[in-house]
Amino acid sequence: MLTFKQMIESRIYKRDWAGKRNCTAVALTDTVYNIDPKDHFCYVSAANTATPNVTIKLPPVGQCAGGFYFIQVKLVANGKVVEVLANGETAADAQDGDDKAMPACTLDTTLDNVMLFSSGEHWYVIFSTMA
């Protein structure tokens, strides 16, 4: 039987249940990041004038049923934007991905964030600081 201390330490050091992804725009073309179903936290940085926009592609909605996904822009400047798209979606509001009702999520200010929930069929915005 585990002691209370061992249970706490196990929760602190075993992070398979909620992965984290740091995304930084570094290329001279638009940067696209495909989020893994385990990446429940995603932090994005896009500030350089030479670096175009960043696109975050969510995993297939069916693989994420019951999951919450938090995406935050750590730094964005110089007119850059971070767009969050459903799996297979080509552009914001295109509604051609695996979730035809995916709301547009465009993060364009430092510390903008969005919390998404997957029902297995659709993505839902739980809260956001988008303008």
N, C-alpha and C. Protein backbone atom coordinates (compact mmCIF):
# COMPACT_ATOMS: atom_id res chain seq x y z
N MET A 1 0.84 -1.19 0.00
CA MET A 1 0.00 0.00 0.00
C MET A 1 0.88 1.25 0.00
N LEU A 2 0.52 2.24 -0.83
CA LEU A 2 1.30 3.47 -0.93
C LEU A 2 0.99 4.41 0.24
N THR A 3 2.02 5.11 0.68
CA THR A 3 1.80 6.14 1.69
C THR A 3 1.27 7.39 1.00
N PHE A 4 0.74 8.33 1.78
CA PHE A 4 0.24 9.58 1.23
C PHE A 4 1.34 10.32 0.49
N LYS A 5 2.54 10.36 1.06
CA LYS A 5 3.68 11.04 0.44
C LYS A 5 4.00 10.41 -0.92
N GLN A 6 3.98 9.08 -1.02
CA GLN A 6 4.27 8.42 -2.29
C GLN A 6 3.21 8.74 -3.34
N MET A 7 1.95 8.83 -2.91
CA MET A 7 0.89 9.18 -3.85
C MET A 7 1.07 10.58 -4.39
N ILE A 8 1.41 11.52 -3.50
CA ILE A 8 1.63 12.91 -3.92
C ILE A 8 2.82 12.99 -4.88
N GLU A 9 3.92 12.34 -4.54
CA GLU A 9 5.10 12.37 -5.40
C GLU A 9 4.80 11.73 -6.75
N SER A 10 4.01 10.70 -6.76
CA SER A 10 3.63 10.06 -8.01
C SER A 10 2.83 11.03 -8.88
N ARG A 11 1.95 11.81 -8.29
CA ARG A 11 1.15 12.77 -9.05
C ARG A 11 2.02 13.92 -9.56
N ILE A 12 3.04 14.29 -8.80
CA ILE A 12 3.90 15.40 -9.21
C ILE A 12 4.79 15.01 -10.38
N TYR A 13 5.38 13.83 -10.33
CA TYR A 13 6.39 13.46 -11.31
C TYR A 13 5.86 12.65 -12.49
N LYS A 14 4.69 12.11 -12.38
CA LYS A 14 4.14 11.32 -13.47
C LYS A 14 3.17 12.19 -14.25
N ARG A 15 3.59 12.72 -15.39
CA ARG A 15 2.82 13.71 -16.13
C ARG A 15 2.21 13.17 -17.42
N ASP A 16 2.06 11.86 -17.57
CA ASP A 16 1.50 11.32 -18.80
C ASP A 16 0.07 11.78 -19.05
N TRP A 17 -0.65 12.11 -18.01
CA TRP A 17 -2.07 12.48 -18.14
C TRP A 17 -2.25 13.86 -18.74
N ALA A 18 -1.26 14.71 -18.68
CA ALA A 18 -1.42 16.07 -19.20
C ALA A 18 -0.09 16.59 -19.72
N GLY A 19 0.16 16.38 -20.99
CA GLY A 19 1.40 16.85 -21.58
C GLY A 19 1.36 18.34 -21.86
N LYS A 20 2.54 18.91 -22.07
CA LYS A 20 2.65 20.34 -22.36
C LYS A 20 3.45 20.50 -23.64
N ARG A 21 3.05 21.46 -24.45
CA ARG A 21 3.74 21.71 -25.72
C ARG A 21 4.08 23.19 -25.81
N ASN A 22 5.33 23.51 -26.05
CA ASN A 22 5.75 24.89 -26.29
C ASN A 22 5.97 25.06 -27.79
N CYS A 23 5.30 26.04 -28.37
CA CYS A 23 5.39 26.28 -29.81
C CYS A 23 5.95 27.67 -30.04
N THR A 24 7.02 27.76 -30.80
CA THR A 24 7.64 29.04 -31.11
C THR A 24 7.77 29.17 -32.62
N ALA A 25 7.33 30.30 -33.13
CA ALA A 25 7.45 30.56 -34.57
C ALA A 25 8.90 30.91 -34.88
N VAL A 26 9.53 30.10 -35.71
CA VAL A 26 10.94 30.33 -36.03
C VAL A 26 11.22 30.37 -37.52
N ALA A 27 10.34 29.82 -38.32
CA ALA A 27 10.59 29.74 -39.75
C ALA A 27 10.21 31.05 -40.45
N LEU A 28 10.57 31.15 -41.72
CA LEU A 28 10.22 32.33 -42.51
C LEU A 28 8.88 32.16 -43.21
N THR A 29 8.23 31.02 -43.00
CA THR A 29 6.89 30.77 -43.53
C THR A 29 5.96 30.53 -42.35
N ASP A 30 4.65 30.48 -42.62
CA ASP A 30 3.71 30.20 -41.55
C ASP A 30 4.08 28.89 -40.88
N THR A 31 4.03 28.89 -39.56
CA THR A 31 4.39 27.72 -38.78
C THR A 31 3.13 26.99 -38.36
N VAL A 32 3.09 25.67 -38.58
CA VAL A 32 1.94 24.85 -38.23
C VAL A 32 2.38 23.81 -37.21
N TYR A 33 1.66 23.73 -36.09
CA TYR A 33 1.93 22.73 -35.07
C TYR A 33 0.73 21.82 -34.95
N ASN A 34 0.96 20.52 -35.02
CA ASN A 34 -0.09 19.53 -34.80
C ASN A 34 -0.01 19.08 -33.35
N ILE A 35 -1.08 19.34 -32.60
CA ILE A 35 -1.11 19.00 -31.20
C ILE A 35 -1.46 17.52 -31.03
N ASP A 36 -0.75 16.84 -30.14
CA ASP A 36 -1.01 15.45 -29.81
C ASP A 36 -2.18 15.38 -28.82
N PRO A 37 -2.97 14.32 -28.82
CA PRO A 37 -4.08 14.22 -27.86
C PRO A 37 -3.64 14.34 -26.40
N LYS A 38 -2.38 14.05 -26.09
CA LYS A 38 -1.89 14.18 -24.70
C LYS A 38 -1.45 15.61 -24.36
N ASP A 39 -1.31 16.47 -25.35
CA ASP A 39 -0.84 17.85 -25.10
C ASP A 39 -2.00 18.73 -24.66
N HIS A 40 -2.34 18.67 -23.39
CA HIS A 40 -3.48 19.42 -22.87
C HIS A 40 -3.16 20.89 -22.61
N PHE A 41 -1.87 21.24 -22.59
CA PHE A 41 -1.46 22.62 -22.40
C PHE A 41 -0.53 22.99 -23.55
N CYS A 42 -0.81 24.13 -24.19
CA CYS A 42 0.00 24.57 -25.31
C CYS A 42 0.31 26.05 -25.14
N TYR A 43 1.58 26.39 -25.12
CA TYR A 43 2.01 27.78 -24.98
C TYR A 43 2.72 28.20 -26.26
N VAL A 44 2.31 29.35 -26.81
CA VAL A 44 2.77 29.77 -28.13
C VAL A 44 3.47 31.12 -28.04
N SER A 45 4.53 31.27 -28.82
CA SER A 45 5.24 32.54 -28.91
C SER A 45 5.44 32.89 -30.38
N ALA A 46 4.98 34.08 -30.78
CA ALA A 46 5.13 34.55 -32.16
C ALA A 46 5.27 36.06 -32.15
N ALA A 47 6.47 36.54 -32.15
CA ALA A 47 6.66 37.98 -32.01
C ALA A 47 7.58 38.60 -33.06
N ASN A 48 8.45 37.84 -33.64
CA ASN A 48 9.44 38.36 -34.55
C ASN A 48 8.78 38.86 -35.84
N THR A 49 9.20 40.01 -36.33
CA THR A 49 8.61 40.56 -37.55
C THR A 49 8.91 39.70 -38.77
N ALA A 50 10.00 38.97 -38.75
CA ALA A 50 10.35 38.11 -39.88
C ALA A 50 9.57 36.79 -39.85
N THR A 51 8.94 36.50 -38.73
CA THR A 51 8.24 35.24 -38.57
C THR A 51 6.75 35.41 -38.83
N PRO A 52 6.20 34.67 -39.77
CA PRO A 52 4.77 34.77 -40.03
C PRO A 52 3.92 34.18 -38.91
N ASN A 53 2.65 34.02 -39.18
CA ASN A 53 1.69 33.58 -38.18
C ASN A 53 1.88 32.12 -37.79
N VAL A 54 1.24 31.74 -36.68
CA VAL A 54 1.31 30.38 -36.17
C VAL A 54 -0.08 29.76 -36.23
N THR A 55 -0.15 28.51 -36.66
CA THR A 55 -1.41 27.77 -36.69
C THR A 55 -1.26 26.55 -35.79
N ILE A 56 -2.22 26.39 -34.87
CA ILE A 56 -2.26 25.23 -33.99
C ILE A 56 -3.37 24.33 -34.51
N LYS A 57 -3.01 23.10 -34.91
CA LYS A 57 -4.01 22.14 -35.39
C LYS A 57 -4.33 21.18 -34.26
N LEU A 58 -5.60 21.11 -33.90
CA LEU A 58 -6.04 20.22 -32.83
C LEU A 58 -6.02 18.77 -33.31
N PRO A 59 -5.92 17.82 -32.37
CA PRO A 59 -6.00 16.42 -32.76
C PRO A 59 -7.43 16.07 -33.18
N PRO A 60 -7.65 14.89 -33.77
CA PRO A 60 -9.00 14.50 -34.14
C PRO A 60 -9.94 14.57 -32.93
N VAL A 61 -11.09 15.19 -33.11
CA VAL A 61 -12.01 15.43 -32.01
C VAL A 61 -12.47 14.13 -31.36
N GLY A 62 -12.58 13.06 -32.14
CA GLY A 62 -13.01 11.78 -31.60
C GLY A 62 -11.99 11.14 -30.67
N GLN A 63 -10.70 11.44 -30.86
CA GLN A 63 -9.65 10.89 -30.00
C GLN A 63 -9.53 11.63 -28.69
N CYS A 64 -10.19 12.77 -28.57
CA CYS A 64 -10.03 13.63 -27.39
C CYS A 64 -11.29 13.72 -26.54
N ALA A 65 -12.21 12.80 -26.71
CA ALA A 65 -13.49 12.86 -26.00
C ALA A 65 -13.28 13.03 -24.50
N GLY A 66 -13.92 14.04 -23.93
CA GLY A 66 -13.81 14.33 -22.51
C GLY A 66 -12.58 15.12 -22.11
N GLY A 67 -11.77 15.51 -23.08
CA GLY A 67 -10.53 16.22 -22.78
C GLY A 67 -10.67 17.73 -22.85
N PHE A 68 -9.91 18.41 -22.00
CA PHE A 68 -9.82 19.87 -21.99
C PHE A 68 -8.45 20.25 -22.53
N TYR A 69 -8.41 21.28 -23.37
CA TYR A 69 -7.17 21.74 -23.98
C TYR A 69 -7.04 23.23 -23.79
N PHE A 70 -5.94 23.66 -23.14
CA PHE A 70 -5.69 25.06 -22.84
C PHE A 70 -4.58 25.56 -23.74
N ILE A 71 -4.85 26.63 -24.49
CA ILE A 71 -3.86 27.21 -25.40
C ILE A 71 -3.70 28.67 -25.03
N GLN A 72 -2.44 29.07 -24.78
CA GLN A 72 -2.17 30.46 -24.39
C GLN A 72 -1.02 31.01 -25.21
N VAL A 73 -1.15 32.26 -25.59
CA VAL A 73 -0.09 32.96 -26.30
C VAL A 73 0.79 33.65 -25.26
N LYS A 74 2.05 33.20 -25.16
CA LYS A 74 2.96 33.83 -24.21
C LYS A 74 3.41 35.20 -24.70
N LEU A 75 3.64 35.29 -26.00
CA LEU A 75 4.10 36.55 -26.58
C LEU A 75 3.68 36.60 -28.04
N VAL A 76 3.00 37.67 -28.40
CA VAL A 76 2.65 37.90 -29.79
C VAL A 76 2.74 39.40 -30.04
N ALA A 77 3.35 39.76 -31.15
CA ALA A 77 3.55 41.19 -31.44
C ALA A 77 3.69 41.36 -32.95
N ASN A 78 3.83 42.59 -33.36
CA ASN A 78 4.09 42.93 -34.76
C ASN A 78 3.01 42.43 -35.71
N GLY A 79 1.76 42.46 -35.26
CA GLY A 79 0.65 42.09 -36.13
C GLY A 79 0.50 40.60 -36.37
N LYS A 80 1.19 39.76 -35.61
CA LYS A 80 1.09 38.32 -35.79
C LYS A 80 -0.17 37.80 -35.12
N VAL A 81 -0.65 36.65 -35.58
CA VAL A 81 -1.82 35.99 -34.96
C VAL A 81 -1.53 34.51 -34.82
N VAL A 82 -2.24 33.91 -33.87
CA VAL A 82 -2.19 32.46 -33.65
C VAL A 82 -3.60 31.95 -33.87
N GLU A 83 -3.76 31.06 -34.84
CA GLU A 83 -5.08 30.50 -35.13
C GLU A 83 -5.12 29.06 -34.64
N VAL A 84 -6.25 28.70 -34.02
CA VAL A 84 -6.47 27.33 -33.55
C VAL A 84 -7.51 26.72 -34.47
N LEU A 85 -7.14 25.62 -35.14
CA LEU A 85 -8.02 24.99 -36.12
C LEU A 85 -8.32 23.55 -35.74
N ALA A 86 -9.50 23.08 -36.13
CA ALA A 86 -9.86 21.67 -35.94
C ALA A 86 -9.01 20.81 -36.87
N ASN A 87 -8.92 19.54 -36.57
CA ASN A 87 -8.17 18.60 -37.39
C ASN A 87 -8.71 18.61 -38.83
N GLY A 88 -7.85 18.86 -39.80
CA GLY A 88 -8.25 18.88 -41.20
C GLY A 88 -8.80 20.20 -41.69
N GLU A 89 -8.99 21.17 -40.81
CA GLU A 89 -9.52 22.48 -41.22
C GLU A 89 -8.42 23.26 -41.92
N THR A 90 -8.75 23.94 -43.01
CA THR A 90 -7.74 24.65 -43.79
C THR A 90 -7.55 26.11 -43.37
N ALA A 91 -8.59 26.75 -42.85
CA ALA A 91 -8.49 28.14 -42.40
C ALA A 91 -9.59 28.40 -41.38
N ALA A 92 -9.41 29.47 -40.59
CA ALA A 92 -10.42 29.83 -39.59
C ALA A 92 -11.77 30.03 -40.28
N ASP A 93 -12.81 29.48 -39.72
CA ASP A 93 -14.18 29.57 -40.24
C ASP A 93 -14.38 28.83 -41.56
N ALA A 94 -13.41 28.00 -41.98
CA ALA A 94 -13.59 27.24 -43.21
C ALA A 94 -14.58 26.09 -42.99
N GLN A 95 -14.64 25.58 -41.78
CA GLN A 95 -15.54 24.51 -41.38
C GLN A 95 -15.46 23.32 -42.33
N ASP A 96 -14.23 22.91 -42.64
CA ASP A 96 -14.04 21.76 -43.51
C ASP A 96 -13.22 20.66 -42.84
N GLY A 97 -13.03 20.77 -41.51
CA GLY A 97 -12.28 19.75 -40.79
C GLY A 97 -13.17 18.67 -40.23
N ASP A 98 -12.67 17.93 -39.24
CA ASP A 98 -13.48 16.85 -38.68
C ASP A 98 -14.60 17.37 -37.78
N ASP A 99 -14.54 18.64 -37.38
CA ASP A 99 -15.64 19.27 -36.64
C ASP A 99 -16.12 20.46 -37.46
N LYS A 100 -17.22 20.28 -38.15
CA LYS A 100 -17.74 21.34 -39.04
C LYS A 100 -18.24 22.56 -38.28
N ALA A 101 -18.45 22.43 -36.95
CA ALA A 101 -18.96 23.54 -36.16
C ALA A 101 -17.88 24.17 -35.29
N MET A 102 -16.62 23.93 -35.59
CA MET A 102 -15.53 24.50 -34.79
C MET A 102 -15.57 26.02 -34.81
N PRO A 103 -15.66 26.66 -33.63
CA PRO A 103 -15.68 28.13 -33.61
C PRO A 103 -14.30 28.69 -33.97
N ALA A 104 -14.28 29.88 -34.52
CA ALA A 104 -13.01 30.53 -34.87
C ALA A 104 -12.29 30.92 -33.59
N CYS A 105 -11.03 30.54 -33.50
CA CYS A 105 -10.20 30.88 -32.34
C CYS A 105 -8.94 31.57 -32.84
N THR A 106 -8.92 32.89 -32.80
CA THR A 106 -7.77 33.67 -33.24
C THR A 106 -7.22 34.43 -32.04
N LEU A 107 -6.00 34.13 -31.67
CA LEU A 107 -5.34 34.77 -30.53
C LEU A 107 -4.34 35.77 -31.09
N ASP A 108 -4.54 37.05 -30.78
CA ASP A 108 -3.69 38.08 -31.38
C ASP A 108 -3.09 39.07 -30.38
N THR A 109 -3.23 38.79 -29.10
CA THR A 109 -2.70 39.67 -28.06
C THR A 109 -1.92 38.82 -27.06
N THR A 110 -0.82 39.34 -26.54
CA THR A 110 -0.06 38.62 -25.54
C THR A 110 -0.96 38.22 -24.38
N LEU A 111 -0.83 36.98 -23.96
CA LEU A 111 -1.59 36.34 -22.88
C LEU A 111 -3.04 36.01 -23.24
N ASP A 112 -3.43 36.16 -24.51
CA ASP A 112 -4.73 35.64 -24.94
C ASP A 112 -4.72 34.14 -24.71
N ASN A 113 -5.87 33.59 -24.35
CA ASN A 113 -5.94 32.15 -24.16
C ASN A 113 -7.33 31.64 -24.48
N VAL A 114 -7.41 30.32 -24.65
CA VAL A 114 -8.68 29.67 -24.92
C VAL A 114 -8.64 28.28 -24.29
N MET A 115 -9.74 27.89 -23.66
CA MET A 115 -9.89 26.54 -23.10
C MET A 115 -10.94 25.84 -23.94
N LEU A 116 -10.55 24.73 -24.57
CA LEU A 116 -11.46 23.97 -25.42
C LEU A 116 -11.80 22.63 -24.77
N PHE A 117 -13.00 22.15 -25.04
CA PHE A 117 -13.45 20.85 -24.55
C PHE A 117 -13.92 20.02 -25.73
N SER A 118 -13.56 18.75 -25.75
CA SER A 118 -13.99 17.85 -26.80
C SER A 118 -15.07 16.92 -26.27
N SER A 119 -16.21 16.92 -26.93
CA SER A 119 -17.29 16.00 -26.56
C SER A 119 -17.14 14.68 -27.29
N GLY A 120 -16.17 14.59 -28.17
CA GLY A 120 -16.01 13.42 -29.03
C GLY A 120 -16.59 13.66 -30.41
N GLU A 121 -17.51 14.63 -30.50
CA GLU A 121 -18.09 15.01 -31.79
C GLU A 121 -17.78 16.45 -32.16
N HIS A 122 -17.70 17.33 -31.15
CA HIS A 122 -17.49 18.76 -31.38
C HIS A 122 -16.51 19.34 -30.37
N TRP A 123 -15.86 20.42 -30.79
CA TRP A 123 -15.03 21.23 -29.89
C TRP A 123 -15.90 22.36 -29.35
N TYR A 124 -15.79 22.63 -28.06
CA TYR A 124 -16.52 23.72 -27.43
C TYR A 124 -15.55 24.65 -26.73
N VAL A 125 -15.78 25.96 -26.84
CA VAL A 125 -14.97 26.94 -26.12
C VAL A 125 -15.57 27.07 -24.72
N ILE A 126 -14.80 26.69 -23.71
CA ILE A 126 -15.26 26.78 -22.32
C ILE A 126 -15.07 28.21 -21.82
N PHE A 127 -13.89 28.77 -22.05
CA PHE A 127 -13.67 30.19 -21.76
C PHE A 127 -12.52 30.68 -22.63
N SER A 128 -12.45 31.99 -22.80
CA SER A 128 -11.36 32.56 -23.56
C SER A 128 -11.21 34.04 -23.23
N THR A 129 -10.04 34.58 -23.57
CA THR A 129 -9.80 36.01 -23.43
C THR A 129 -9.64 36.65 -24.80
N MET A 130 -10.15 35.97 -25.84
CA MET A 130 -10.05 36.51 -27.20
C MET A 130 -10.97 37.73 -27.31
N ALA A 131 -10.53 38.70 -28.10
CA ALA A 131 -11.35 39.91 -28.29
C ALA A 131 -12.52 39.63 -29.20
